Amino acid sequence: MNRYTELVNARYEDMMFAKSAEEARKAAHRLVRVVLGENYQAASLEDALRETCRKLRPSPDPREQIRFETEFIELGIWPVPAQTIAA
């Protein structure tokens, strides 16, 4: 396994197994930086995660790709405590 693949896998696992929203966001930033390089700073974290997902897990089916991207974004951006859903 080459160094790039090791870094991507480690950053992805950090994001996947984060124990808090803050940890997840930090891991997401680190993963995006590895995959997209310094260009990621021009986009929001959500957009950067979407682009990262397209690079790491492309799908020929547009509906499947949207599902992949949504799941990927949910891993990196947990709900902010101030955002609550009114019942």
PDB file of N, CA and C in Angstrom:
ATOM      1  N   MET A   1       0.861  -1.170   0.000  1.00  0.00           N
ATOM      2  CA  MET A   1       0.000   0.000   0.000  1.00  0.00           C
ATOM      3  C   MET A   1       0.910   1.238   0.000  1.00  0.00           C
ATOM      4  N   ASN A   2       0.614   2.189  -0.878  1.00  0.00           N
ATOM      5  CA  ASN A   2       1.465   3.378  -0.928  1.00  0.00           C
ATOM      6  C   ASN A   2       1.072   4.382   0.158  1.00  0.00           C
ATOM      7  N   ARG A   3       1.900   5.373   0.347  1.00  0.00           N
ATOM      8  CA  ARG A   3       1.716   6.345   1.435  1.00  0.00           C
ATOM      9  C   ARG A   3       0.407   7.126   1.293  1.00  0.00           C
ATOM     10  N   TYR A   4       0.060   7.512   0.060  1.00  0.00           N
ATOM     11  CA  TYR A   4      -1.181   8.254  -0.171  1.00  0.00           C
ATOM     12  C   TYR A   4      -2.390   7.436   0.268  1.00  0.00           C
ATOM     13  N   THR A   5      -2.440   6.180  -0.127  1.00  0.00           N
ATOM     14  CA  THR A   5      -3.555   5.313   0.236  1.00  0.00           C
ATOM     15  C   THR A   5      -3.632   5.133   1.746  1.00  0.00           C
ATOM     16  N   GLU A   6      -2.491   4.986   2.384  1.00  0.00           N
ATOM     17  CA  GLU A   6      -2.454   4.864   3.842  1.00  0.00           C
ATOM     18  C   GLU A   6      -3.023   6.112   4.509  1.00  0.00           C
ATOM     19  N   LEU A   7      -2.621   7.281   4.021  1.00  0.00           N
ATOM     20  CA  LEU A   7      -3.118   8.538   4.590  1.00  0.00           C
ATOM     21  C   LEU A   7      -4.625   8.677   4.399  1.00  0.00           C
ATOM     22  N   VAL A   8      -5.091   8.391   3.200  1.00  0.00           N
ATOM     23  CA  VAL A   8      -6.526   8.492   2.923  1.00  0.00           C
ATOM     24  C   VAL A   8      -7.301   7.542   3.831  1.00  0.00           C
ATOM     25  N   ASN A   9      -6.853   6.305   3.931  1.00  0.00           N
ATOM     26  CA  ASN A   9      -7.545   5.329   4.782  1.00  0.00           C
ATOM     27  C   ASN A   9      -7.543   5.752   6.249  1.00  0.00           C
ATOM     28  N   ALA A  10      -6.427   6.252   6.730  1.00  0.00           N
ATOM     29  CA  ALA A  10      -6.335   6.682   8.132  1.00  0.00           C
ATOM     30  C   ALA A  10      -7.259   7.864   8.396  1.00  0.00           C
ATOM     31  N   ARG A  11      -7.273   8.839   7.492  1.00  0.00           N
ATOM     32  CA  ARG A  11      -8.134  10.021   7.675  1.00  0.00           C
ATOM     33  C   ARG A  11      -9.610   9.641   7.591  1.00  0.00           C
ATOM     34  N   TYR A  12      -9.934   8.734   6.680  1.00  0.00           N
ATOM     35  CA  TYR A  12     -11.318   8.285   6.537  1.00  0.00           C
ATOM     36  C   TYR A  12     -11.768   7.561   7.807  1.00  0.00           C
ATOM     37  N   GLU A  13     -10.920   6.691   8.337  1.00  0.00           N
ATOM     38  CA  GLU A  13     -11.261   5.979   9.575  1.00  0.00           C
ATOM     39  C   GLU A  13     -11.419   6.951  10.742  1.00  0.00           C
ATOM     40  N   ASP A  14     -10.570   7.963  10.810  1.00  0.00           N
ATOM     41  CA  ASP A  14     -10.704   8.978  11.866  1.00  0.00           C
ATOM     42  C   ASP A  14     -12.069   9.650  11.783  1.00  0.00           C
ATOM     43  N   MET A  15     -12.493   9.970  10.567  1.00  0.00           N
ATOM     44  CA  MET A  15     -13.786  10.626  10.378  1.00  0.00           C
ATOM     45  C   MET A  15     -14.928   9.661  10.706  1.00  0.00           C
ATOM     46  N   MET A  16     -14.789   8.424  10.274  1.00  0.00           N
ATOM     47  CA  MET A  16     -15.846   7.442  10.479  1.00  0.00           C
ATOM     48  C   MET A  16     -16.071   7.103  11.955  1.00  0.00           C
ATOM     49  N   PHE A  17     -14.994   7.052  12.714  1.00  0.00           N
ATOM     50  CA  PHE A  17     -15.095   6.631  14.113  1.00  0.00           C
ATOM     51  C   PHE A  17     -14.971   7.787  15.104  1.00  0.00           C
ATOM     52  N   ALA A  18     -15.181   9.006  14.636  1.00  0.00           N
ATOM     53  CA  ALA A  18     -15.113  10.172  15.519  1.00  0.00           C
ATOM     54  C   ALA A  18     -16.165  10.056  16.618  1.00  0.00           C
ATOM     55  N   LYS A  19     -15.804  10.501  17.797  1.00  0.00           N
ATOM     56  CA  LYS A  19     -16.705  10.406  18.951  1.00  0.00           C
ATOM     57  C   LYS A  19     -17.459  11.704  19.228  1.00  0.00           C
ATOM     58  N   SER A  20     -17.138  12.746  18.482  1.00  0.00           N
ATOM     59  CA  SER A  20     -17.839  14.018  18.654  1.00  0.00           C
ATOM     60  C   SER A  20     -17.906  14.730  17.306  1.00  0.00           C
ATOM     61  N   ALA A  21     -18.773  15.715  17.234  1.00  0.00           N
ATOM     62  CA  ALA A  21     -18.919  16.492  16.006  1.00  0.00           C
ATOM     63  C   ALA A  21     -17.615  17.236  15.702  1.00  0.00           C
ATOM     64  N   GLU A  22     -16.980  17.752  16.718  1.00  0.00           N
ATOM     65  CA  GLU A  22     -15.723  18.485  16.518  1.00  0.00           C
ATOM     66  C   GLU A  22     -14.641  17.564  15.949  1.00  0.00           C
ATOM     67  N   GLU A  23     -14.530  16.356  16.512  1.00  0.00           N
ATOM     68  CA  GLU A  23     -13.563  15.378  16.007  1.00  0.00           C
ATOM     69  C   GLU A  23     -13.867  15.020  14.558  1.00  0.00           C
ATOM     70  N   ALA A  24     -15.133  14.841  14.238  1.00  0.00           N
ATOM     71  CA  ALA A  24     -15.531  14.479  12.876  1.00  0.00           C
ATOM     72  C   ALA A  24     -15.156  15.579  11.886  1.00  0.00           C
ATOM     73  N   ARG A  25     -15.407  16.824  12.257  1.00  0.00           N
ATOM     74  CA  ARG A  25     -15.073  17.945  11.367  1.00  0.00           C
ATOM     75  C   ARG A  25     -13.565  18.073  11.164  1.00  0.00           C
ATOM     76  N   LYS A  26     -12.807  17.906  12.235  1.00  0.00           N
ATOM     77  CA  LYS A  26     -11.346  17.979  12.113  1.00  0.00           C
ATOM     78  C   LYS A  26     -10.834  16.868  11.204  1.00  0.00           C
ATOM     79  N   ALA A  27     -11.354  15.667  11.392  1.00  0.00           N
ATOM     80  CA  ALA A  27     -10.950  14.545  10.546  1.00  0.00           C
ATOM     81  C   ALA A  27     -11.367  14.778   9.100  1.00  0.00           C
ATOM     82  N   ALA A  28     -12.545  15.349   8.899  1.00  0.00           N
ATOM     83  CA  ALA A  28     -13.021  15.650   7.549  1.00  0.00           C
ATOM     84  C   ALA A  28     -12.096  16.658   6.872  1.00  0.00           C
ATOM     85  N   HIS A  29     -11.692  17.694   7.597  1.00  0.00           N
ATOM     86  CA  HIS A  29     -10.757  18.686   7.039  1.00  0.00           C
ATOM     87  C   HIS A  29      -9.442  18.023   6.642  1.00  0.00           C
ATOM     88  N   ARG A  30      -8.944  17.131   7.502  1.00  0.00           N
ATOM     89  CA  ARG A  30      -7.674  16.460   7.199  1.00  0.00           C
ATOM     90  C   ARG A  30      -7.815  15.557   5.967  1.00  0.00           C
ATOM     91  N   LEU A  31      -8.926  14.845   5.858  1.00  0.00           N
ATOM     92  CA  LEU A  31      -9.152  13.976   4.702  1.00  0.00           C
ATOM     93  C   LEU A  31      -9.240  14.794   3.422  1.00  0.00           C
ATOM     94  N   VAL A  32     -10.000  15.868   3.456  1.00  0.00           N
ATOM     95  CA  VAL A  32     -10.154  16.724   2.281  1.00  0.00           C
ATOM     96  C   VAL A  32      -8.800  17.301   1.864  1.00  0.00           C
ATOM     97  N   ARG A  33      -7.996  17.705   2.827  1.00  0.00           N
ATOM     98  CA  ARG A  33      -6.677  18.271   2.520  1.00  0.00           C
ATOM     99  C   ARG A  33      -5.799  17.238   1.813  1.00  0.00           C
ATOM    100  N   VAL A  34      -5.872  15.970   2.242  1.00  0.00           N
ATOM    101  CA  VAL A  34      -5.069  14.920   1.609  1.00  0.00           C
ATOM    102  C   VAL A  34      -5.545  14.675   0.175  1.00  0.00           C
ATOM    103  N   VAL A  35      -6.853  14.614  -0.019  1.00  0.00           N
ATOM    104  CA  VAL A  35      -7.398  14.255  -1.329  1.00  0.00           C
ATOM    105  C   VAL A  35      -7.383  15.429  -2.313  1.00  0.00           C
ATOM    106  N   LEU A  36      -7.798  16.600  -1.866  1.00  0.00           N
ATOM    107  CA  LEU A  36      -7.929  17.743  -2.773  1.00  0.00           C
ATOM    108  C   LEU A  36      -6.729  18.683  -2.750  1.00  0.00           C
ATOM    109  N   GLY A  37      -5.887  18.554  -1.756  1.00  0.00           N
ATOM    110  CA  GLY A  37      -4.759  19.464  -1.645  1.00  0.00           C
ATOM    111  C   GLY A  37      -5.198  20.800  -1.072  1.00  0.00           C
ATOM    112  N   GLU A  38      -4.433  21.814  -1.331  1.00  0.00           N
ATOM    113  CA  GLU A  38      -4.710  23.141  -0.774  1.00  0.00           C
ATOM    114  C   GLU A  38      -5.908  23.825  -1.425  1.00  0.00           C
ATOM    115  N   ASN A  39      -6.378  23.338  -2.554  1.00  0.00           N
ATOM    116  CA  ASN A  39      -7.516  23.946  -3.256  1.00  0.00           C
ATOM    117  C   ASN A  39      -8.819  23.835  -2.471  1.00  0.00           C
ATOM    118  N   TYR A  40      -8.874  22.945  -1.509  1.00  0.00           N
ATOM    119  CA  TYR A  40     -10.119  22.727  -0.783  1.00  0.00           C
ATOM    120  C   TYR A  40     -10.547  23.958   0.013  1.00  0.00           C
ATOM    121  N   GLN A  41      -9.636  24.823   0.360  1.00  0.00           N
ATOM    122  CA  GLN A  41      -9.961  25.977   1.194  1.00  0.00           C
ATOM    123  C   GLN A  41     -10.886  26.962   0.497  1.00  0.00           C
ATOM    124  N   ALA A  42     -10.991  26.851  -0.825  1.00  0.00           N
ATOM    125  CA  ALA A  42     -11.857  27.759  -1.574  1.00  0.00           C
ATOM    126  C   ALA A  42     -13.324  27.361  -1.453  1.00  0.00           C
ATOM    127  N   ALA A  43     -13.597  26.171  -0.999  1.00  0.00           N
ATOM    128  CA  ALA A  43     -14.965  25.668  -0.922  1.00  0.00           C
ATOM    129  C   ALA A  43     -15.384  25.459   0.523  1.00  0.00           C
ATOM    130  N   SER A  44     -16.692  25.346   0.726  1.00  0.00           N
ATOM    131  CA  SER A  44     -17.186  25.001   2.062  1.00  0.00           C
ATOM    132  C   SER A  44     -16.806  23.555   2.350  1.00  0.00           C
ATOM    133  N   LEU A  45     -16.834  23.176   3.609  1.00  0.00           N
ATOM    134  CA  LEU A  45     -16.492  21.802   3.977  1.00  0.00           C
ATOM    135  C   LEU A  45     -17.445  20.827   3.296  1.00  0.00           C
ATOM    136  N   GLU A  46     -18.717  21.164   3.235  1.00  0.00           N
ATOM    137  CA  GLU A  46     -19.686  20.275   2.583  1.00  0.00           C
ATOM    138  C   GLU A  46     -19.340  20.066   1.113  1.00  0.00           C
ATOM    139  N   ASP A  47     -19.047  21.148   0.394  1.00  0.00           N
ATOM    140  CA  ASP A  47     -18.682  21.033  -1.020  1.00  0.00           C
ATOM    141  C   ASP A  47     -17.383  20.258  -1.191  1.00  0.00           C
ATOM    142  N   ALA A  48     -16.431  20.497  -0.298  1.00  0.00           N
ATOM    143  CA  ALA A  48     -15.150  19.796  -0.364  1.00  0.00           C
ATOM    144  C   ALA A  48     -15.332  18.298  -0.107  1.00  0.00           C
ATOM    145  N   LEU A  49     -16.201  17.951   0.840  1.00  0.00           N
ATOM    146  CA  LEU A  49     -16.475  16.534   1.101  1.00  0.00           C
ATOM    147  C   LEU A  49     -17.174  15.886  -0.092  1.00  0.00           C
ATOM    148  N   ARG A  50     -18.062  16.629  -0.719  1.00  0.00           N
ATOM    149  CA  ARG A  50     -18.750  16.121  -1.908  1.00  0.00           C
ATOM    150  C   ARG A  50     -17.730  15.803  -3.014  1.00  0.00           C
ATOM    151  N   GLU A  51     -16.814  16.726  -3.258  1.00  0.00           N
ATOM    152  CA  GLU A  51     -15.782  16.534  -4.280  1.00  0.00           C
ATOM    153  C   GLU A  51     -14.843  15.385  -3.904  1.00  0.00           C
ATOM    154  N   THR A  52     -14.507  15.297  -2.623  1.00  0.00           N
ATOM    155  CA  THR A  52     -13.656  14.205  -2.150  1.00  0.00           C
ATOM    156  C   THR A  52     -14.333  12.862  -2.391  1.00  0.00           C
ATOM    157  N   CYS A  53     -15.603  12.786  -2.109  1.00  0.00           N
ATOM    158  CA  CYS A  53     -16.355  11.551  -2.324  1.00  0.00           C
ATOM    159  C   CYS A  53     -16.346  11.178  -3.805  1.00  0.00           C
ATOM    160  N   ARG A  54     -16.508  12.160  -4.682  1.00  0.00           N
ATOM    161  CA  ARG A  54     -16.494  11.890  -6.132  1.00  0.00           C
ATOM    162  C   ARG A  54     -15.166  11.300  -6.570  1.00  0.00           C
ATOM    163  N   LYS A  55     -14.083  11.725  -5.921  1.00  0.00           N
ATOM    164  CA  LYS A  55     -12.761  11.205  -6.272  1.00  0.00           C
ATOM    165  C   LYS A  55     -12.525   9.815  -5.688  1.00  0.00           C
ATOM    166  N   LEU A  56     -12.975   9.619  -4.448  1.00  0.00           N
ATOM    167  CA  LEU A  56     -12.709   8.351  -3.776  1.00  0.00           C
ATOM    168  C   LEU A  56     -13.706   7.249  -4.123  1.00  0.00           C
ATOM    169  N   ARG A  57     -14.939   7.639  -4.379  1.00  0.00           N
ATOM    170  CA  ARG A  57     -15.990   6.634  -4.606  1.00  0.00           C
ATOM    171  C   ARG A  57     -16.919   7.071  -5.741  1.00  0.00           C
ATOM    172  N   PRO A  58     -16.390   7.106  -6.964  1.00  0.00           N
ATOM    173  CA  PRO A  58     -17.235   7.514  -8.087  1.00  0.00           C
ATOM    174  C   PRO A  58     -18.253   6.421  -8.432  1.00  0.00           C
ATOM    175  N   SER A  59     -19.383   6.842  -8.958  1.00  0.00           N
ATOM    176  CA  SER A  59     -20.423   5.899  -9.362  1.00  0.00           C
ATOM    177  C   SER A  59     -20.971   6.325 -10.722  1.00  0.00           C
ATOM    178  N   PRO A  60     -21.185   5.373 -11.608  1.00  0.00           N
ATOM    179  CA  PRO A  60     -21.772   5.720 -12.908  1.00  0.00           C
ATOM    180  C   PRO A  60     -23.256   6.090 -12.801  1.00  0.00           C
ATOM    181  N   ASP A  61     -23.895   5.680 -11.723  1.00  0.00           N
ATOM    182  CA  ASP A  61     -25.310   5.973 -11.509  1.00  0.00           C
ATOM    183  C   ASP A  61     -25.442   7.273 -10.703  1.00  0.00           C
ATOM    184  N   PRO A  62     -26.037   8.327 -11.283  1.00  0.00           N
ATOM    185  CA  PRO A  62     -26.144   9.612 -10.581  1.00  0.00           C
ATOM    186  C   PRO A  62     -26.893   9.528  -9.254  1.00  0.00           C
ATOM    187  N   ARG A  63     -27.932   8.704  -9.174  1.00  0.00           N
ATOM    188  CA  ARG A  63     -28.671   8.578  -7.906  1.00  0.00           C
ATOM    189  C   ARG A  63     -27.816   7.928  -6.839  1.00  0.00           C
ATOM    190  N   GLU A  64     -27.054   6.928  -7.244  1.00  0.00           N
ATOM    191  CA  GLU A  64     -26.152   6.257  -6.307  1.00  0.00           C
ATOM    192  C   GLU A  64     -25.057   7.228  -5.849  1.00  0.00           C
ATOM    193  N   GLN A  65     -24.557   8.039  -6.769  1.00  0.00           N
ATOM    194  CA  GLN A  65     -23.519   9.006  -6.419  1.00  0.00           C
ATOM    195  C   GLN A  65     -24.039  10.000  -5.389  1.00  0.00           C
ATOM    196  N   ILE A  66     -25.244  10.472  -5.562  1.00  0.00           N
ATOM    197  CA  ILE A  66     -25.844  11.408  -4.601  1.00  0.00           C
ATOM    198  C   ILE A  66     -25.952  10.751  -3.229  1.00  0.00           C
ATOM    199  N   ARG A  67     -26.349   9.490  -3.206  1.00  0.00           N
ATOM    200  CA  ARG A  67     -26.459   8.759  -1.937  1.00  0.00           C
ATOM    201  C   ARG A  67     -25.092   8.632  -1.274  1.00  0.00           C
ATOM    202  N   PHE A  68     -24.064   8.275  -2.055  1.00  0.00           N
ATOM    203  CA  PHE A  68     -22.705   8.164  -1.521  1.00  0.00           C
ATOM    204  C   PHE A  68     -22.264   9.488  -0.921  1.00  0.00           C
ATOM    205  N   GLU A  69     -22.481  10.576  -1.674  1.00  0.00           N
ATOM    206  CA  GLU A  69     -22.053  11.896  -1.216  1.00  0.00           C
ATOM    207  C   GLU A  69     -22.777  12.307   0.060  1.00  0.00           C
ATOM    208  N   THR A  70     -24.058  12.048   0.127  1.00  0.00           N
ATOM    209  CA  THR A  70     -24.842  12.405   1.313  1.00  0.00           C
ATOM    210  C   THR A  70     -24.328  11.658   2.543  1.00  0.00           C
ATOM    211  N   GLU A  71     -24.077  10.370   2.400  1.00  0.00           N
ATOM    212  CA  GLU A  71     -23.563   9.580   3.522  1.00  0.00           C
ATOM    213  C   GLU A  71     -22.176  10.061   3.938  1.00  0.00           C
ATOM    214  N   PHE A  72     -21.366  10.403   2.961  1.00  0.00           N
ATOM    215  CA  PHE A  72     -20.014  10.880   3.224  1.00  0.00           C
ATOM    216  C   PHE A  72     -20.047  12.193   3.999  1.00  0.00           C
ATOM    217  N   ILE A  73     -20.915  13.092   3.579  1.00  0.00           N
ATOM    218  CA  ILE A  73     -21.051  14.392   4.236  1.00  0.00           C
ATOM    219  C   ILE A  73     -21.563  14.219   5.663  1.00  0.00           C
ATOM    220  N   GLU A  74     -22.496  13.307   5.863  1.00  0.00           N
ATOM    221  CA  GLU A  74     -23.022  13.064   7.218  1.00  0.00           C
ATOM    222  C   GLU A  74     -21.930  12.588   8.163  1.00  0.00           C
ATOM    223  N   LEU A  75     -20.952  11.840   7.653  1.00  0.00           N
ATOM    224  CA  LEU A  75     -19.844  11.400   8.501  1.00  0.00           C
ATOM    225  C   LEU A  75     -18.986  12.575   8.962  1.00  0.00           C
ATOM    226  N   GLY A  76     -18.779  13.531   8.073  1.00  0.00           N
ATOM    227  CA  GLY A  76     -17.880  14.636   8.378  1.00  0.00           C
ATOM    228  C   GLY A  76     -18.524  15.831   9.042  1.00  0.00           C
ATOM    229  N   ILE A  77     -19.823  15.988   8.828  1.00  0.00           N
ATOM    230  CA  ILE A  77     -20.512  17.156   9.392  1.00  0.00           C
ATOM    231  C   ILE A  77     -21.684  16.671  10.224  1.00  0.00           C
ATOM    232  N   TRP A  78     -21.433  16.515  11.484  1.00  0.00           N
ATOM    233  CA  TRP A  78     -22.509  16.143  12.399  1.00  0.00           C
ATOM    234  C   TRP A  78     -23.391  17.350  12.625  1.00  0.00           C
ATOM    235  N   PRO A  79     -24.612  17.135  13.075  1.00  0.00           N
ATOM    236  CA  PRO A  79     -25.452  18.288  13.399  1.00  0.00           C
ATOM    237  C   PRO A  79     -24.818  19.154  14.480  1.00  0.00           C
ATOM    238  N   VAL A  80     -24.883  20.434  14.269  1.00  0.00           N
ATOM    239  CA  VAL A  80     -24.373  21.392  15.252  1.00  0.00           C
ATOM    240  C   VAL A  80     -25.376  21.438  16.406  1.00  0.00           C
ATOM    241  N   PRO A  81     -24.944  21.453  17.658  1.00  0.00           N
ATOM    242  CA  PRO A  81     -25.870  21.439  18.792  1.00  0.00           C
ATOM    243  C   PRO A  81     -26.935  22.542  18.732  1.00  0.00           C
ATOM    244  N   ALA A  82     -26.605  23.688  18.167  1.00  0.00           N
ATOM    245  CA  ALA A  82     -27.563  24.788  18.103  1.00  0.00           C
ATOM    246  C   ALA A  82     -28.678  24.513  17.104  1.00  0.00           C
ATOM    247  N   GLN A  83     -28.431  23.580  16.206  1.00  0.00           N
ATOM    248  CA  GLN A  83     -29.455  23.243  15.210  1.00  0.00           C
ATOM    249  C   GLN A  83     -30.334  22.135  15.770  1.00  0.00           C
ATOM    250  N   THR A  84     -31.512  22.484  16.141  1.00  0.00           N
ATOM    251  CA  THR A  84     -32.434  21.482  16.657  1.00  0.00           C
ATOM    252  C   THR A  84     -33.681  21.478  15.792  1.00  0.00           C
ATOM    253  N   ILE A  85     -34.308  20.336  15.728  1.00  0.00           N
ATOM    254  CA  ILE A  85     -35.513  20.200  14.935  1.00  0.00           C
ATOM    255  C   ILE A  85     -36.711  20.402  15.858  1.00  0.00           C
ATOM    256  N   ALA A  86     -37.567  21.335  15.500  1.00  0.00           N
ATOM    257  CA  ALA A  86     -38.773  21.591  16.304  1.00  0.00           C
ATOM    258  C   ALA A  86     -39.766  20.470  16.062  1.00  0.00           C
ATOM    259  N   ALA A  87     -40.310  19.967  17.128  1.00  0.00           N
ATOM    260  CA  ALA A  87     -41.262  18.863  17.003  1.00  0.00           C
ATOM    261  C   ALA A  87     -42.649  19.378  16.786  1.00  0.00           C
TER     262      ALA A  87
END
